[in-house]
Amino acid sequence: MSKQSPLVGIHHVNGAILGEYDGWLLPRHFGEPHEEYCAVRRAVGILDLSNRAVLQFTGADRLSYLQGLISNDLRVAPSGEGIYAAFLNQQGKVLADCRALTTDDSFIVDFWEPLKPKILDHLNRYLVADEVEIADLNDRYAILSIQGPESEKLLEKFVPKDQQPQKTLAHSLAQIGGVEVRICRYSHSGEDGFDLMIPLAEIESLARQLTEAAILYSARWVGEEAHEMLRIEAGIPRYGVDITEDNLILETGLTHAVSFNKGCYLGQEVVERIRSRGHVNKALTGLLVHGEKPPVAGCKILSAEKEIGRITSSTHSPALKSTIALGYVHRDHRSQGTQVLVRYNDEVLVNATVTELPFPATRRDETSR
């Protein structure tokens, strides 16, 4: 049976068409996916991220314990900041990508909720004599996100600008409507944005307040279909779609999730061996596909008659007015502008062009955020 967002009632009121995604019942769209997409690119959109797992790590050994299990360096994130990282196995393969936020007395780690049983099992396997407690916060909190160039102005309706986190993965506690909410600055779309970790008992009330305040900015609730357009344009891979346990972390393009200076952690020897070699054999790559129909996951990428990769996800890009895709491509064919072919399941061959990520028309100046 599907898990249900705590906001399903509000979604119905707002005209949502629901669908199942990795065991979760979430909005597919609210009537007009393209308009939802445009709201995020031009103004602000509201996303339901109830399908994020949230764990809290406390105890005297929490730093050394997590340092040994994730790919990035928690020591560079003082209280009020965070890092993006991944849990790896001994072979350097990705078990989950995650965010780790530092507070005065804990670390808060979140990732896609369908991965929670696997990650909890992984964590407990390596929890031997460490003085660490792991608390599952999903029965207490859920996450909403506001994304788009007007998201900061919308948040100012509730939280003064000088109390808002100012850089990516910075976070702070603030009062919204008398409720204590943790606010984290983060983009799921290529646009500026904030995630709000809200107590479950208050999430419906705050969601209504956000919806009402957002009318001023022509905001919309955003379903999974529009979210998919946004994240693919922004070149943001998603675990279970573009990343699986078959992938080495350095194949995924998530080099910002890896510290090469932190010392030993699970999978580090493989990561270092690849770095010293200078390359991986394949890597996640952007493709401009010269056909109207988006290819499905698993479609082969060819050079002449030779298979050089596979598609992982695709969509129609409103920004580029073109079909775009993410896929793993062999290193010899990853130069920007390389011409390749995509073989659809019906054996039709379509031309495609290799491009850098994020896709050109959706890049944003990082200094402007």
Protein backbone atom coordinates (compact mmCIF):
# COMPACT_ATOMS: atom_id res chain seq x y z
CA MET A 1 0.00 0.00 0.00
CA SER A 2 1.32 3.45 -0.93
CA LYS A 3 2.54 5.83 1.75
CA GLN A 4 0.56 9.02 1.74
CA SER A 5 1.71 12.61 1.99
CA PRO A 6 0.32 14.40 5.06
CA LEU A 7 -0.83 17.08 2.59
CA VAL A 8 -3.01 14.85 0.45
CA GLY A 9 -6.15 16.67 1.63
CA ILE A 10 -4.75 20.06 0.61
CA HIS A 11 -3.60 18.59 -2.69
CA HIS A 12 -7.12 17.41 -3.46
CA VAL A 13 -8.47 20.90 -2.69
CA ASN A 14 -5.91 22.35 -5.10
CA GLY A 15 -6.97 20.01 -7.88
CA ALA A 16 -4.11 17.53 -7.75
CA ILE A 17 -4.02 14.38 -9.84
CA LEU A 18 -2.16 11.88 -7.69
CA GLY A 19 0.17 9.09 -8.72
CA GLU A 20 2.47 6.55 -7.10
CA TYR A 21 6.18 7.32 -7.02
CA ASP A 22 8.49 4.79 -5.38
CA GLY A 23 5.72 3.70 -3.03
CA TRP A 24 4.48 7.22 -2.26
CA LEU A 25 1.17 8.77 -3.32
CA LEU A 26 2.14 12.26 -4.49
CA PRO A 27 0.77 14.89 -6.89
CA ARG A 28 1.52 14.14 -10.56
CA HIS A 29 0.29 17.60 -11.43
CA PHE A 30 -2.26 20.22 -10.45
CA GLY A 31 -3.87 20.47 -13.88
CA GLU A 32 -1.16 22.20 -15.92
CA PRO A 33 2.39 20.81 -15.56
CA HIS A 34 3.77 23.39 -17.99
CA GLU A 35 2.32 26.26 -15.93
CA GLU A 36 3.76 24.72 -12.77
CA TYR A 37 7.15 24.56 -14.47
CA CYS A 38 6.83 28.22 -15.55
CA ALA A 39 5.90 29.29 -12.03
CA VAL A 40 9.23 27.97 -10.73
CA ARG A 41 11.29 29.43 -13.59
CA ARG A 42 9.58 32.85 -13.42
CA ALA A 43 8.27 33.28 -9.89
CA VAL A 44 7.85 30.59 -7.22
CA GLY A 45 6.47 27.08 -6.85
CA ILE A 46 5.67 24.94 -3.81
CA LEU A 47 6.81 21.30 -3.75
CA ASP A 48 5.75 18.50 -1.43
CA LEU A 49 8.91 16.66 -0.32
CA SER A 50 7.23 14.37 2.20
CA ASN A 51 9.09 11.49 0.55
CA ARG A 52 12.37 12.55 2.16
CA ALA A 53 13.66 10.51 5.12
CA VAL A 54 15.05 12.57 8.00
CA LEU A 55 17.46 11.09 10.56
CA GLN A 56 19.10 12.83 13.52
CA PHE A 57 22.47 11.74 14.91
CA THR A 58 23.41 12.64 18.47
CA GLY A 59 26.04 11.47 20.92
CA ALA A 60 29.72 12.11 21.60
CA ASP A 61 30.94 10.00 18.65
CA ARG A 62 28.49 11.32 16.04
CA LEU A 63 31.19 13.13 14.02
CA SER A 64 33.72 10.30 13.84
CA TYR A 65 30.95 7.78 13.12
CA LEU A 66 29.41 9.70 10.21
CA GLN A 67 32.83 10.75 8.89
CA GLY A 68 33.60 7.09 8.36
CA LEU A 69 30.41 6.47 6.37
CA ILE A 70 29.86 9.43 4.05
CA SER A 71 31.93 10.71 1.15
CA ASN A 72 32.21 14.38 2.13
CA ASP A 73 33.85 16.15 5.07
CA LEU A 74 31.57 17.21 7.91
CA ARG A 75 34.39 19.15 9.57
CA VAL A 76 34.01 21.95 7.02
CA ALA A 77 30.38 22.54 8.08
CA PRO A 78 30.06 24.39 11.40
CA SER A 79 26.71 24.64 13.16
CA GLY A 80 24.18 26.26 10.83
CA GLU A 81 25.79 24.91 7.66
CA GLY A 82 25.69 21.61 5.78
CA ILE A 83 27.23 19.41 3.11
CA TYR A 84 26.03 17.27 0.25
CA ALA A 85 27.42 13.73 0.40
CA ALA A 86 26.79 10.07 -0.36
CA PHE A 87 26.74 6.80 1.51
CA LEU A 88 29.00 4.33 -0.32
CA ASN A 89 29.64 0.62 0.04
CA GLN A 90 33.10 -0.92 0.18
CA GLN A 91 33.27 -1.01 -3.62
CA GLY A 92 32.69 2.75 -3.85
CA LYS A 93 29.16 2.26 -5.22
CA VAL A 94 26.42 4.69 -4.20
CA LEU A 95 23.87 3.52 -1.64
CA ALA A 96 22.21 6.94 -1.34
CA ASP A 97 22.99 10.60 -1.87
CA CYS A 98 22.16 12.78 1.12
CA ARG A 99 22.38 16.15 2.80
CA ALA A 100 23.95 16.48 6.25
CA LEU A 101 23.17 19.57 8.33
CA THR A 102 25.21 20.47 11.42
CA THR A 103 23.53 21.78 14.56
CA ASP A 104 25.06 22.58 17.95
CA ASP A 105 24.46 19.06 19.25
CA SER A 106 23.53 16.86 16.28
CA PHE A 107 23.67 16.11 12.58
CA ILE A 108 20.44 16.02 10.58
CA VAL A 109 20.68 13.83 7.48
CA ASP A 110 18.02 13.52 4.80
CA PHE A 111 17.68 11.41 1.64
CA TRP A 112 14.90 9.77 -0.39
CA GLU A 113 12.60 7.91 1.99
CA PRO A 114 12.33 4.67 -0.07
CA LEU A 115 16.03 4.15 0.73
CA LYS A 116 15.51 4.34 4.49
CA PRO A 117 15.35 0.60 5.30
CA LYS A 118 18.57 0.00 3.37
CA ILE A 119 20.38 2.97 4.91
CA LEU A 120 19.26 2.17 8.46
CA ASP A 121 20.52 -1.38 8.01
CA HIS A 122 23.80 -0.01 6.66
CA LEU A 123 24.17 2.43 9.56
CA ASN A 124 23.41 -0.19 12.21
CA ARG A 125 25.92 -2.61 10.67
CA TYR A 126 28.73 -0.16 11.42
CA LEU A 127 27.41 1.07 14.76
CA VAL A 128 29.50 -1.08 17.10
CA ALA A 129 30.91 0.65 20.19
CA ASP A 130 30.21 4.21 19.08
CA GLU A 131 28.37 6.55 21.42
CA VAL A 132 25.79 7.53 18.82
CA GLU A 133 22.00 7.58 18.79
CA ILE A 134 20.07 7.61 15.52
CA ALA A 135 16.54 9.01 15.68
CA ASP A 136 14.04 8.66 12.84
CA LEU A 137 12.24 12.02 12.58
CA ASN A 138 9.70 11.06 9.91
CA ASP A 139 6.95 10.61 12.45
CA ARG A 140 7.55 14.20 13.63
CA TYR A 141 8.45 16.28 10.57
CA ALA A 142 7.92 16.60 6.83
CA ILE A 143 9.52 18.86 4.24
CA LEU A 144 7.97 21.47 1.96
CA SER A 145 10.07 23.38 -0.55
CA ILE A 146 9.63 26.75 -2.21
CA GLN A 147 11.59 27.13 -5.45
CA GLY A 148 12.02 30.01 -7.86
CA PRO A 149 13.44 33.52 -8.21
CA GLU A 150 10.73 34.95 -5.94
CA SER A 151 11.16 32.33 -3.19
CA GLU A 152 13.20 34.67 -1.00
CA LYS A 153 10.51 37.36 -1.22
CA LEU A 154 7.81 34.83 -0.37
CA LEU A 155 9.78 33.65 2.65
CA GLU A 156 10.17 37.29 3.77
CA LYS A 157 6.40 37.34 4.36
CA PHE A 158 7.14 35.05 7.32
CA VAL A 159 10.86 35.41 8.14
CA PRO A 160 12.93 38.63 7.89
CA LYS A 161 15.64 38.45 5.26
CA ASP A 162 18.43 38.81 7.82
CA GLN A 163 17.17 35.63 9.53
CA GLN A 164 17.14 33.59 6.32
CA PRO A 165 20.07 31.27 5.50
CA GLN A 166 22.23 33.01 2.91
CA LYS A 167 24.16 30.24 1.16
CA THR A 168 23.47 26.75 -0.14
CA LEU A 169 22.89 24.23 2.67
CA ALA A 170 22.98 26.92 5.33
CA HIS A 171 20.07 26.43 7.69
CA SER A 172 18.40 28.07 10.69
CA LEU A 173 15.41 27.81 12.96
CA ALA A 174 12.68 30.40 12.61
CA GLN A 175 9.14 31.01 13.80
CA ILE A 176 6.47 30.85 11.11
CA GLY A 177 2.96 31.43 12.40
CA GLY A 178 4.14 30.56 15.91
CA VAL A 179 5.65 27.25 14.74
CA GLU A 180 9.38 26.51 14.89
CA VAL A 181 10.56 25.53 11.41
CA ARG A 182 14.05 24.62 10.18
CA ILE A 183 14.80 26.48 6.95
CA CYS A 184 17.53 25.23 4.60
CA ARG A 185 18.60 27.07 1.46
CA TYR A 186 18.72 24.55 -1.38
CA SER A 187 17.80 24.20 -5.03
CA HIS A 188 15.91 21.23 -6.46
CA SER A 189 15.28 23.05 -9.74
CA GLY A 190 18.25 25.13 -10.79
CA GLU A 191 16.53 28.15 -9.22
CA ASP A 192 16.99 29.62 -5.77
CA GLY A 193 14.94 27.90 -3.09
CA PHE A 194 14.34 26.90 0.50
CA ASP A 195 13.31 23.67 2.19
CA LEU A 196 11.11 23.96 5.27
CA MET A 197 11.21 21.14 7.82
CA ILE A 198 7.84 21.48 9.51
CA PRO A 199 6.28 19.60 12.46
CA LEU A 200 3.64 17.21 11.12
CA ALA A 201 1.01 18.56 13.50
CA GLU A 202 1.31 22.01 11.91
CA ILE A 203 2.14 21.25 8.30
CA GLU A 204 -1.38 21.60 6.90
CA SER A 205 -1.84 24.97 8.58
CA LEU A 206 1.50 26.29 7.35
CA ALA A 207 0.91 24.91 3.86
CA ARG A 208 -2.33 26.90 3.69
CA GLN A 209 -0.56 30.05 4.90
CA LEU A 210 2.16 29.61 2.27
CA THR A 211 -0.44 29.03 -0.44
CA GLU A 212 -2.33 32.19 0.48
CA ALA A 213 0.81 34.35 0.72
CA ALA A 214 2.14 32.96 -2.56
CA ILE A 215 -0.87 34.22 -4.55
CA LEU A 216 0.83 37.62 -4.68
CA TYR A 217 3.66 36.04 -6.71
CA SER A 218 1.47 33.97 -9.06
CA ALA A 219 2.83 30.87 -7.34
CA ARG A 220 1.62 27.35 -7.97
CA TRP A 221 1.86 24.01 -6.30
CA VAL A 222 4.24 21.87 -8.35
CA GLY A 223 3.72 18.18 -9.07
CA GLU A 224 6.20 15.47 -9.96
CA GLU A 225 5.85 15.93 -13.72
CA ALA A 226 6.95 19.58 -13.62
CA HIS A 227 9.58 18.78 -11.00
CA GLU A 228 11.03 16.21 -13.41
CA MET A 229 11.33 18.83 -16.17
CA LEU A 230 13.04 21.23 -13.79
CA ARG A 231 15.55 18.82 -12.32
CA ILE A 232 16.59 17.30 -15.65
CA GLU A 233 17.10 20.75 -17.18
CA ALA A 234 19.23 21.61 -14.16
CA GLY A 235 21.22 18.39 -14.57
CA ILE A 236 20.29 17.14 -11.10
CA PRO A 237 20.45 13.31 -10.98
CA ARG A 238 17.93 11.43 -8.88
CA TYR A 239 18.69 8.28 -6.96
CA GLY A 240 16.81 5.27 -8.25
CA VAL A 241 16.55 6.89 -11.68
CA ASP A 242 19.95 8.26 -12.69
CA ILE A 243 21.96 6.75 -9.83
CA THR A 244 21.79 3.19 -8.47
CA GLU A 245 23.98 0.82 -6.50
CA ASP A 246 25.64 -0.08 -9.80
CA ASN A 247 27.21 3.39 -10.05
CA LEU A 248 30.52 4.58 -8.70
CA ILE A 249 30.21 8.02 -7.11
CA LEU A 250 32.63 9.58 -9.63
CA GLU A 251 30.51 8.32 -12.53
CA THR A 252 27.54 10.35 -11.37
CA GLY A 253 29.13 13.78 -11.78
CA LEU A 254 28.55 14.48 -8.08
CA THR A 255 32.15 15.50 -7.40
CA HIS A 256 30.85 18.16 -4.97
CA ALA A 257 29.68 15.25 -2.79
CA VAL A 258 33.25 13.97 -2.37
CA SER A 259 36.16 15.19 -0.25
CA PHE A 260 39.57 14.01 -1.42
CA ASN A 261 41.27 15.29 1.74
CA LYS A 262 39.19 14.00 4.66
CA GLY A 263 40.95 10.66 5.11
CA CYS A 264 39.48 7.20 5.46
CA TYR A 265 35.80 6.41 4.90
CA LEU A 266 33.91 3.44 3.51
CA GLY A 267 34.62 3.21 -0.23
CA GLN A 268 37.44 5.79 -0.07
CA GLU A 269 40.12 3.46 -1.44
CA VAL A 270 38.15 2.90 -4.63
CA VAL A 271 37.41 6.61 -5.01
CA GLU A 272 41.08 7.48 -4.59
CA ARG A 273 42.17 4.78 -7.03
CA ILE A 274 39.85 6.20 -9.69
CA ARG A 275 41.03 9.74 -9.03
CA SER A 276 44.69 8.74 -9.35
CA ARG A 277 43.87 7.01 -12.64
CA GLY A 278 42.37 10.26 -13.83
CA HIS A 279 39.00 9.17 -15.18
CA VAL A 280 36.04 6.85 -15.05
CA ASN A 281 35.05 4.81 -18.08
CA LYS A 282 31.56 6.30 -18.23
CA ALA A 283 29.86 9.29 -16.67
CA LEU A 284 26.45 10.93 -16.46
CA THR A 285 26.03 13.27 -19.41
CA GLY A 286 23.46 15.60 -20.94
CA LEU A 287 21.95 14.92 -24.37
CA LEU A 288 19.94 17.15 -26.69
CA VAL A 289 17.74 14.61 -28.47
CA HIS A 290 16.59 15.63 -31.95
CA GLY A 291 13.20 13.98 -31.74
CA GLU A 292 9.87 14.94 -30.19
CA LYS A 293 9.34 11.75 -28.19
CA PRO A 294 11.48 11.49 -25.02
CA PRO A 295 13.39 8.18 -24.95
CA VAL A 296 12.62 5.86 -22.04
CA ALA A 297 15.17 4.76 -19.47
CA GLY A 298 17.39 2.01 -20.83
CA CYS A 299 17.40 3.15 -24.45
CA LYS A 300 20.83 2.58 -25.97
CA ILE A 301 23.17 5.41 -26.93
CA LEU A 302 25.21 4.54 -30.03
CA SER A 303 28.17 5.79 -32.00
CA ALA A 304 27.80 4.25 -35.44
CA GLU A 305 26.82 0.67 -34.54
CA LYS A 306 28.63 0.59 -31.19
CA GLU A 307 26.78 0.95 -27.90
CA ILE A 308 28.44 3.69 -25.83
CA GLY A 309 25.85 4.26 -23.12
CA ARG A 310 22.26 4.15 -21.87
CA ILE A 311 19.56 6.75 -21.20
CA THR A 312 18.50 7.13 -17.54
CA SER A 313 15.85 9.89 -17.71
CA SER A 314 14.38 12.30 -20.24
CA THR A 315 11.79 15.01 -20.69
CA HIS A 316 10.66 17.78 -22.99
CA SER A 317 12.49 20.99 -22.04
CA PRO A 318 10.30 24.11 -22.26
CA ALA A 319 13.42 26.28 -21.95
CA LEU A 320 15.15 24.65 -24.90
CA LYS A 321 12.00 23.66 -26.80
CA SER A 322 13.64 20.30 -27.27
CA THR A 323 13.75 16.79 -25.91
CA ILE A 324 16.59 16.40 -23.41
CA ALA A 325 17.97 13.42 -21.56
CA LEU A 326 20.48 12.27 -18.98
CA GLY A 327 22.49 9.13 -19.58
CA TYR A 328 25.78 7.40 -18.98
CA VAL A 329 28.16 7.83 -21.92
CA HIS A 330 31.60 6.31 -22.48
CA ARG A 331 34.44 8.74 -21.83
CA ASP A 332 35.61 8.70 -25.46
CA HIS A 333 32.29 10.22 -26.59
CA ARG A 334 31.57 12.80 -23.86
CA SER A 335 33.04 15.94 -25.43
CA GLN A 336 30.49 18.72 -25.81
CA GLY A 337 29.03 18.73 -29.32
CA THR A 338 29.70 15.04 -30.02
CA GLN A 339 27.02 13.59 -32.29
CA VAL A 340 25.52 10.26 -31.20
CA LEU A 341 22.40 8.19 -31.85
CA VAL A 342 19.66 7.07 -29.46
CA ARG A 343 17.92 3.80 -30.26
CA TYR A 344 14.32 3.81 -29.06
CA ASN A 345 12.63 0.59 -27.99
CA ASP A 346 10.88 0.39 -31.36
CA GLU A 347 14.33 0.36 -33.04
CA VAL A 348 13.97 3.91 -34.36
CA LEU A 349 17.31 5.77 -34.39
CA VAL A 350 17.28 9.46 -33.40
CA ASN A 351 20.21 11.88 -33.54
CA ALA A 352 21.41 13.46 -30.32
CA THR A 353 24.12 15.92 -29.28
CA VAL A 354 26.24 15.59 -26.14
CA THR A 355 26.08 18.73 -23.97
CA GLU A 356 27.41 19.88 -20.62
CA LEU A 357 25.25 19.95 -17.52
CA PRO A 358 23.24 21.87 -16.54
CA PHE A 359 21.68 22.32 -19.96
CA PRO A 360 22.79 25.66 -21.49
CA ALA A 361 19.52 27.61 -21.51
CA THR A 362 18.89 26.83 -17.84
CA ARG A 363 22.25 27.79 -16.32
CA ARG A 364 22.20 30.39 -13.59
CA ASP A 365 25.00 32.64 -12.36
CA GLU A 366 25.87 31.10 -8.98
CA THR A 367 27.09 34.50 -7.70
CA SER A 368 23.58 35.91 -8.10
CA ARG A 369 22.04 33.48 -5.60
